[in-house]
PDB file of N, CA and C in Angstrom:
ATOM      1  N   MET A   1     -65.226  32.068  46.452  1.00  0.00           N
ATOM      2  CA  MET A   1     -63.871  31.535  46.373  1.00  0.00           C
ATOM      3  C   MET A   1     -63.025  32.478  45.514  1.00  0.00           C
ATOM      4  N   SER A   2     -61.853  32.807  45.999  1.00  0.00           N
ATOM      5  CA  SER A   2     -60.955  33.737  45.331  1.00  0.00           C
ATOM      6  C   SER A   2     -59.982  32.982  44.414  1.00  0.00           C
ATOM      7  N   GLU A   3     -59.582  33.658  43.327  1.00  0.00           N
ATOM      8  CA  GLU A   3     -58.608  33.073  42.416  1.00  0.00           C
ATOM      9  C   GLU A   3     -57.779  34.183  41.787  1.00  0.00           C
ATOM     10  N   THR A   4     -56.547  33.846  41.405  1.00  0.00           N
ATOM     11  CA  THR A   4     -55.672  34.767  40.689  1.00  0.00           C
ATOM     12  C   THR A   4     -55.525  34.226  39.275  1.00  0.00           C
ATOM     13  N   THR A   5     -55.823  35.066  38.304  1.00  0.00           N
ATOM     14  CA  THR A   5     -55.809  34.642  36.902  1.00  0.00           C
ATOM     15  C   THR A   5     -54.764  35.438  36.128  1.00  0.00           C
ATOM     16  N   THR A   6     -53.926  34.734  35.366  1.00  0.00           N
ATOM     17  CA  THR A   6     -52.904  35.366  34.531  1.00  0.00           C
ATOM     18  C   THR A   6     -53.053  34.855  33.107  1.00  0.00           C
ATOM     19  N   GLU A   7     -53.189  35.765  32.150  1.00  0.00           N
ATOM     20  CA  GLU A   7     -53.289  35.353  30.747  1.00  0.00           C
ATOM     21  C   GLU A   7     -51.921  34.878  30.267  1.00  0.00           C
ATOM     22  N   LEU A   8     -51.889  33.695  29.647  1.00  0.00           N
ATOM     23  CA  LEU A   8     -50.653  33.109  29.142  1.00  0.00           C
ATOM     24  C   LEU A   8     -50.490  33.255  27.635  1.00  0.00           C
ATOM     25  N   ALA A   9     -51.579  33.138  26.909  1.00  0.00           N
ATOM     26  CA  ALA A   9     -51.494  33.189  25.441  1.00  0.00           C
ATOM     27  C   ALA A   9     -52.868  33.492  24.859  1.00  0.00           C
ATOM     28  N   ARG A  10     -52.844  34.117  23.691  1.00  0.00           N
ATOM     29  CA  ARG A  10     -54.064  34.408  22.936  1.00  0.00           C
ATOM     30  C   ARG A  10     -53.778  34.016  21.491  1.00  0.00           C
ATOM     31  N   LEU A  11     -54.584  33.100  20.959  1.00  0.00           N
ATOM     32  CA  LEU A  11     -54.349  32.570  19.617  1.00  0.00           C
ATOM     33  C   LEU A  11     -55.572  32.792  18.728  1.00  0.00           C
ATOM     34  N   ALA A  12     -55.327  33.245  17.521  1.00  0.00           N
ATOM     35  CA  ALA A  12     -56.396  33.327  16.528  1.00  0.00           C
ATOM     36  C   ALA A  12     -56.561  31.941  15.917  1.00  0.00           C
ATOM     37  N   ALA A  13     -57.788  31.491  15.785  1.00  0.00           N
ATOM     38  CA  ALA A  13     -58.085  30.177  15.218  1.00  0.00           C
ATOM     39  C   ALA A  13     -58.918  30.365  13.943  1.00  0.00           C
ATOM     40  N   PRO A  14     -59.012  29.327  13.123  1.00  0.00           N
ATOM     41  CA  PRO A  14     -59.789  29.440  11.877  1.00  0.00           C
ATOM     42  C   PRO A  14     -61.240  29.857  12.132  1.00  0.00           C
ATOM     43  N   TRP A  15     -61.821  30.450  11.106  1.00  0.00           N
ATOM     44  CA  TRP A  15     -63.221  30.861  11.080  1.00  0.00           C
ATOM     45  C   TRP A  15     -63.574  31.872  12.178  1.00  0.00           C
ATOM     46  N   GLY A  16     -62.631  32.777  12.480  1.00  0.00           N
ATOM     47  CA  GLY A  16     -62.905  33.863  13.409  1.00  0.00           C
ATOM     48  C   GLY A  16     -62.954  33.471  14.874  1.00  0.00           C
ATOM     49  N   ARG A  17     -62.490  32.302  15.201  1.00  0.00           N
ATOM     50  CA  ARG A  17     -62.481  31.873  16.603  1.00  0.00           C
ATOM     51  C   ARG A  17     -61.205  32.363  17.283  1.00  0.00           C
ATOM     52  N   GLU A  18     -61.248  32.406  18.608  1.00  0.00           N
ATOM     53  CA  GLU A  18     -60.088  32.827  19.394  1.00  0.00           C
ATOM     54  C   GLU A  18     -59.930  31.889  20.591  1.00  0.00           C
ATOM     55  N   LEU A  19     -58.686  31.503  20.862  1.00  0.00           N
ATOM     56  CA  LEU A  19     -58.359  30.666  22.014  1.00  0.00           C
ATOM     57  C   LEU A  19     -57.527  31.502  22.978  1.00  0.00           C
ATOM     58  N   VAL A  20     -57.881  31.475  24.247  1.00  0.00           N
ATOM     59  CA  VAL A  20     -57.115  32.194  25.258  1.00  0.00           C
ATOM     60  C   VAL A  20     -56.780  31.209  26.379  1.00  0.00           C
ATOM     61  N   LEU A  21     -55.502  31.174  26.755  1.00  0.00           N
ATOM     62  CA  LEU A  21     -55.037  30.321  27.848  1.00  0.00           C
ATOM     63  C   LEU A  21     -54.729  31.185  29.067  1.00  0.00           C
ATOM     64  N   PHE A  22     -55.183  30.733  30.230  1.00  0.00           N
ATOM     65  CA  PHE A  22     -54.931  31.428  31.486  1.00  0.00           C
ATOM     66  C   PHE A  22     -54.357  30.451  32.501  1.00  0.00           C
ATOM     67  N   GLN A  23     -53.504  30.943  33.371  1.00  0.00           N
ATOM     68  CA  GLN A  23     -53.137  30.206  34.569  1.00  0.00           C
ATOM     69  C   GLN A  23     -54.063  30.689  35.671  1.00  0.00           C
ATOM     70  N   VAL A  24     -54.677  29.779  36.386  1.00  0.00           N
ATOM     71  CA  VAL A  24     -55.590  30.125  37.466  1.00  0.00           C
ATOM     72  C   VAL A  24     -55.070  29.476  38.747  1.00  0.00           C
ATOM     73  N   ILE A  25     -54.836  30.299  39.754  1.00  0.00           N
ATOM     74  CA  ILE A  25     -54.435  29.803  41.072  1.00  0.00           C
ATOM     75  C   ILE A  25     -55.599  30.074  42.021  1.00  0.00           C
ATOM     76  N   HIS A  26     -56.180  29.006  42.526  1.00  0.00           N
ATOM     77  CA  HIS A  26     -57.315  29.134  43.436  1.00  0.00           C
ATOM     78  C   HIS A  26     -56.824  29.459  44.847  1.00  0.00           C
ATOM     79  N   GLU A  27     -57.728  29.921  45.671  1.00  0.00           N
ATOM     80  CA  GLU A  27     -57.415  30.358  47.031  1.00  0.00           C
ATOM     81  C   GLU A  27     -56.602  29.335  47.817  1.00  0.00           C
ATOM     82  N   GLY A  28     -56.903  28.080  47.671  1.00  0.00           N
ATOM     83  CA  GLY A  28     -56.183  27.028  48.393  1.00  0.00           C
ATOM     84  C   GLY A  28     -54.851  26.642  47.772  1.00  0.00           C
ATOM     85  N   GLY A  29     -54.475  27.258  46.646  1.00  0.00           N
ATOM     86  CA  GLY A  29     -53.205  26.973  45.988  1.00  0.00           C
ATOM     87  C   GLY A  29     -53.315  26.041  44.791  1.00  0.00           C
ATOM     88  N   LEU A  30     -54.510  25.539  44.499  1.00  0.00           N
ATOM     89  CA  LEU A  30     -54.702  24.651  43.356  1.00  0.00           C
ATOM     90  C   LEU A  30     -54.470  25.426  42.057  1.00  0.00           C
ATOM     91  N   ALA A  31     -53.563  24.931  41.221  1.00  0.00           N
ATOM     92  CA  ALA A  31     -53.257  25.560  39.930  1.00  0.00           C
ATOM     93  C   ALA A  31     -53.987  24.823  38.814  1.00  0.00           C
ATOM     94  N   MET A  32     -54.630  25.576  37.944  1.00  0.00           N
ATOM     95  CA  MET A  32     -55.361  25.015  36.806  1.00  0.00           C
ATOM     96  C   MET A  32     -54.988  25.806  35.552  1.00  0.00           C
ATOM     97  N   LEU A  33     -55.148  25.171  34.415  1.00  0.00           N
ATOM     98  CA  LEU A  33     -55.024  25.850  33.133  1.00  0.00           C
ATOM     99  C   LEU A  33     -56.441  26.067  32.617  1.00  0.00           C
ATOM    100  N   ARG A  34     -56.779  27.312  32.325  1.00  0.00           N
ATOM    101  CA  ARG A  34     -58.108  27.631  31.807  1.00  0.00           C
ATOM    102  C   ARG A  34     -57.984  27.890  30.307  1.00  0.00           C
ATOM    103  N   LEU A  35     -58.771  27.188  29.533  1.00  0.00           N
ATOM    104  CA  LEU A  35     -58.850  27.367  28.085  1.00  0.00           C
ATOM    105  C   LEU A  35     -60.203  27.984  27.781  1.00  0.00           C
ATOM    106  N   ARG A  36     -60.189  29.162  27.181  1.00  0.00           N
ATOM    107  CA  ARG A  36     -61.435  29.822  26.800  1.00  0.00           C
ATOM    108  C   ARG A  36     -61.481  29.884  25.268  1.00  0.00           C
ATOM    109  N   ILE A  37     -62.552  29.379  24.704  1.00  0.00           N
ATOM    110  CA  ILE A  37     -62.754  29.381  23.254  1.00  0.00           C
ATOM    111  C   ILE A  37     -63.881  30.355  22.950  1.00  0.00           C
ATOM    112  N   ARG A  38     -63.590  31.357  22.115  1.00  0.00           N
ATOM    113  CA  ARG A  38     -64.608  32.319  21.716  1.00  0.00           C
ATOM    114  C   ARG A  38     -65.034  32.019  20.287  1.00  0.00           C
ATOM    115  N   GLU A  39     -66.330  31.868  20.107  1.00  0.00           N
ATOM    116  CA  GLU A  39     -66.923  31.663  18.781  1.00  0.00           C
ATOM    117  C   GLU A  39     -68.006  32.719  18.631  1.00  0.00           C
ATOM    118  N   GLY A  40     -67.647  33.857  18.009  1.00  0.00           N
ATOM    119  CA  GLY A  40     -68.601  34.961  17.915  1.00  0.00           C
ATOM    120  C   GLY A  40     -68.893  35.504  19.302  1.00  0.00           C
ATOM    121  N   LYS A  41     -70.158  35.475  19.707  1.00  0.00           N
ATOM    122  CA  LYS A  41     -70.543  35.955  21.037  1.00  0.00           C
ATOM    123  C   LYS A  41     -70.564  34.836  22.070  1.00  0.00           C
ATOM    124  N   ARG A  42     -70.310  33.611  21.643  1.00  0.00           N
ATOM    125  CA  ARG A  42     -70.384  32.451  22.525  1.00  0.00           C
ATOM    126  C   ARG A  42     -68.998  32.102  23.074  1.00  0.00           C
ATOM    127  N   PHE A  43     -68.928  31.771  24.361  1.00  0.00           N
ATOM    128  CA  PHE A  43     -67.686  31.368  25.003  1.00  0.00           C
ATOM    129  C   PHE A  43     -67.850  29.972  25.592  1.00  0.00           C
ATOM    130  N   THR A  44     -66.796  29.163  25.470  1.00  0.00           N
ATOM    131  CA  THR A  44     -66.711  27.877  26.156  1.00  0.00           C
ATOM    132  C   THR A  44     -65.444  27.932  26.994  1.00  0.00           C
ATOM    133  N   THR A  45     -65.550  27.602  28.280  1.00  0.00           N
ATOM    134  CA  THR A  45     -64.408  27.661  29.183  1.00  0.00           C
ATOM    135  C   THR A  45     -64.180  26.290  29.814  1.00  0.00           C
ATOM    136  N   LEU A  46     -62.930  25.824  29.740  1.00  0.00           N
ATOM    137  CA  LEU A  46     -62.540  24.553  30.351  1.00  0.00           C
ATOM    138  C   LEU A  46     -61.415  24.813  31.341  1.00  0.00           C
ATOM    139  N   ASP A  47     -61.531  24.307  32.561  1.00  0.00           N
ATOM    140  CA  ASP A  47     -60.444  24.344  33.528  1.00  0.00           C
ATOM    141  C   ASP A  47     -59.834  22.951  33.579  1.00  0.00           C
ATOM    142  N   LEU A  48     -58.515  22.873  33.347  1.00  0.00           N
ATOM    143  CA  LEU A  48     -57.812  21.600  33.247  1.00  0.00           C
ATOM    144  C   LEU A  48     -56.751  21.483  34.331  1.00  0.00           C
ATOM    145  N   ASP A  49     -56.635  20.303  34.923  1.00  0.00           N
ATOM    146  CA  ASP A  49     -55.537  20.055  35.850  1.00  0.00           C
ATOM    147  C   ASP A  49     -54.278  19.759  35.029  1.00  0.00           C
ATOM    148  N   ALA A  50     -53.136  19.682  35.711  1.00  0.00           N
ATOM    149  CA  ALA A  50     -51.859  19.500  35.016  1.00  0.00           C
ATOM    150  C   ALA A  50     -51.815  18.199  34.214  1.00  0.00           C
ATOM    151  N   ALA A  51     -52.344  17.122  34.761  1.00  0.00           N
ATOM    152  CA  ALA A  51     -52.312  15.837  34.055  1.00  0.00           C
ATOM    153  C   ALA A  51     -53.145  15.889  32.780  1.00  0.00           C
ATOM    154  N   THR A  52     -54.330  16.462  32.856  1.00  0.00           N
ATOM    155  CA  THR A  52     -55.195  16.559  31.676  1.00  0.00           C
ATOM    156  C   THR A  52     -54.594  17.502  30.643  1.00  0.00           C
ATOM    157  N   ALA A  53     -54.039  18.641  31.093  1.00  0.00           N
ATOM    158  CA  ALA A  53     -53.406  19.588  30.167  1.00  0.00           C
ATOM    159  C   ALA A  53     -52.214  18.934  29.472  1.00  0.00           C
ATOM    160  N   GLY A  54     -51.428  18.150  30.202  1.00  0.00           N
ATOM    161  CA  GLY A  54     -50.285  17.456  29.603  1.00  0.00           C
ATOM    162  C   GLY A  54     -50.719  16.429  28.578  1.00  0.00           C
ATOM    163  N   ASP A  55     -51.759  15.682  28.886  1.00  0.00           N
ATOM    164  CA  ASP A  55     -52.279  14.686  27.947  1.00  0.00           C
ATOM    165  C   ASP A  55     -52.803  15.373  26.683  1.00  0.00           C
ATOM    166  N   LEU A  56     -53.553  16.453  26.869  1.00  0.00           N
ATOM    167  CA  LEU A  56     -54.069  17.202  25.723  1.00  0.00           C
ATOM    168  C   LEU A  56     -52.920  17.759  24.883  1.00  0.00           C
ATOM    169  N   ALA A  57     -51.906  18.318  25.531  1.00  0.00           N
ATOM    170  CA  ALA A  57     -50.752  18.876  24.814  1.00  0.00           C
ATOM    171  C   ALA A  57     -50.054  17.815  23.966  1.00  0.00           C
ATOM    172  N   ALA A  58     -49.873  16.632  24.527  1.00  0.00           N
ATOM    173  CA  ALA A  58     -49.209  15.544  23.792  1.00  0.00           C
ATOM    174  C   ALA A  58     -50.032  15.129  22.579  1.00  0.00           C
ATOM    175  N   ARG A  59     -51.341  15.035  22.760  1.00  0.00           N
ATOM    176  CA  ARG A  59     -52.201  14.632  21.638  1.00  0.00           C
ATOM    177  C   ARG A  59     -52.254  15.702  20.554  1.00  0.00           C
ATOM    178  N   LEU A  60     -52.286  16.973  20.957  1.00  0.00           N
ATOM    179  CA  LEU A  60     -52.269  18.063  19.976  1.00  0.00           C
ATOM    180  C   LEU A  60     -50.946  18.080  19.211  1.00  0.00           C
ATOM    181  N   ALA A  61     -49.834  17.895  19.919  1.00  0.00           N
ATOM    182  CA  ALA A  61     -48.519  17.886  19.273  1.00  0.00           C
ATOM    183  C   ALA A  61     -48.388  16.718  18.298  1.00  0.00           C
ATOM    184  N   ALA A  62     -48.890  15.555  18.683  1.00  0.00           N
ATOM    185  CA  ALA A  62     -48.827  14.392  17.793  1.00  0.00           C
ATOM    186  C   ALA A  62     -49.636  14.631  16.524  1.00  0.00           C
ATOM    187  N   TRP A  63     -50.823  15.215  16.676  1.00  0.00           N
ATOM    188  CA  TRP A  63     -51.648  15.488  15.499  1.00  0.00           C
ATOM    189  C   TRP A  63     -50.980  16.538  14.611  1.00  0.00           C
ATOM    190  N   ALA A  64     -50.437  17.599  15.226  1.00  0.00           N
ATOM    191  CA  ALA A  64     -49.803  18.667  14.454  1.00  0.00           C
ATOM    192  C   ALA A  64     -48.570  18.179  13.701  1.00  0.00           C
ATOM    193  N   ALA A  65     -47.872  17.183  14.253  1.00  0.00           N
ATOM    194  CA  ALA A  65     -46.681  16.640  13.610  1.00  0.00           C
ATOM    195  C   ALA A  65     -47.016  15.831  12.363  1.00  0.00           C
ATOM    196  N   ALA A  66     -48.206  15.267  12.306  1.00  0.00           N
ATOM    197  CA  ALA A  66     -48.604  14.432  11.165  1.00  0.00           C
ATOM    198  C   ALA A  66     -50.109  14.537  10.938  1.00  0.00           C
ATOM    199  N   PRO A  67     -50.591  15.735  10.536  1.00  0.00           N
ATOM    200  CA  PRO A  67     -52.020  15.867  10.291  1.00  0.00           C
ATOM    201  C   PRO A  67     -52.452  14.992   9.107  1.00  0.00           C
ATOM    202  N   PRO A  68     -53.693  14.553   9.106  1.00  0.00           N
ATOM    203  CA  PRO A  68     -54.162  13.731   7.987  1.00  0.00           C
ATOM    204  C   PRO A  68     -54.090  14.537   6.688  1.00  0.00           C
ATOM    205  N   SER A  69     -53.739  13.865   5.608  1.00  0.00           N
ATOM    206  CA  SER A  69     -53.690  14.545   4.310  1.00  0.00           C
ATOM    207  C   SER A  69     -55.095  14.617   3.732  1.00  0.00           C
ATOM    208  N   ASP A  70     -55.317  15.671   2.946  1.00  0.00           N
ATOM    209  CA  ASP A  70     -56.616  15.791   2.265  1.00  0.00           C
ATOM    210  C   ASP A  70     -56.716  14.757   1.170  1.00  0.00           C
ATOM    211  N   ALA A  71     -57.860  14.110   1.100  1.00  0.00           N
ATOM    212  CA  ALA A  71     -58.057  13.073   0.065  1.00  0.00           C
ATOM    213  C   ALA A  71     -58.563  13.673  -1.213  1.00  0.00           C
TER     214      ALA A  71
END
């Protein structure tokens, strides 16, 4: 199966981790957001549909707006 991948963003995360976001268009036209998390030599890759990516974005934004305070 063929796909077209475009890198959208690359973010440095705490403790030497890296997050990379890609737009992936599959052969049939299905668009997905690919999140790749690099931890040293280990990679975790998640492909998300628009609804899941939107839900995740809203939850991340809500947390970032009011992160828990350190006790």
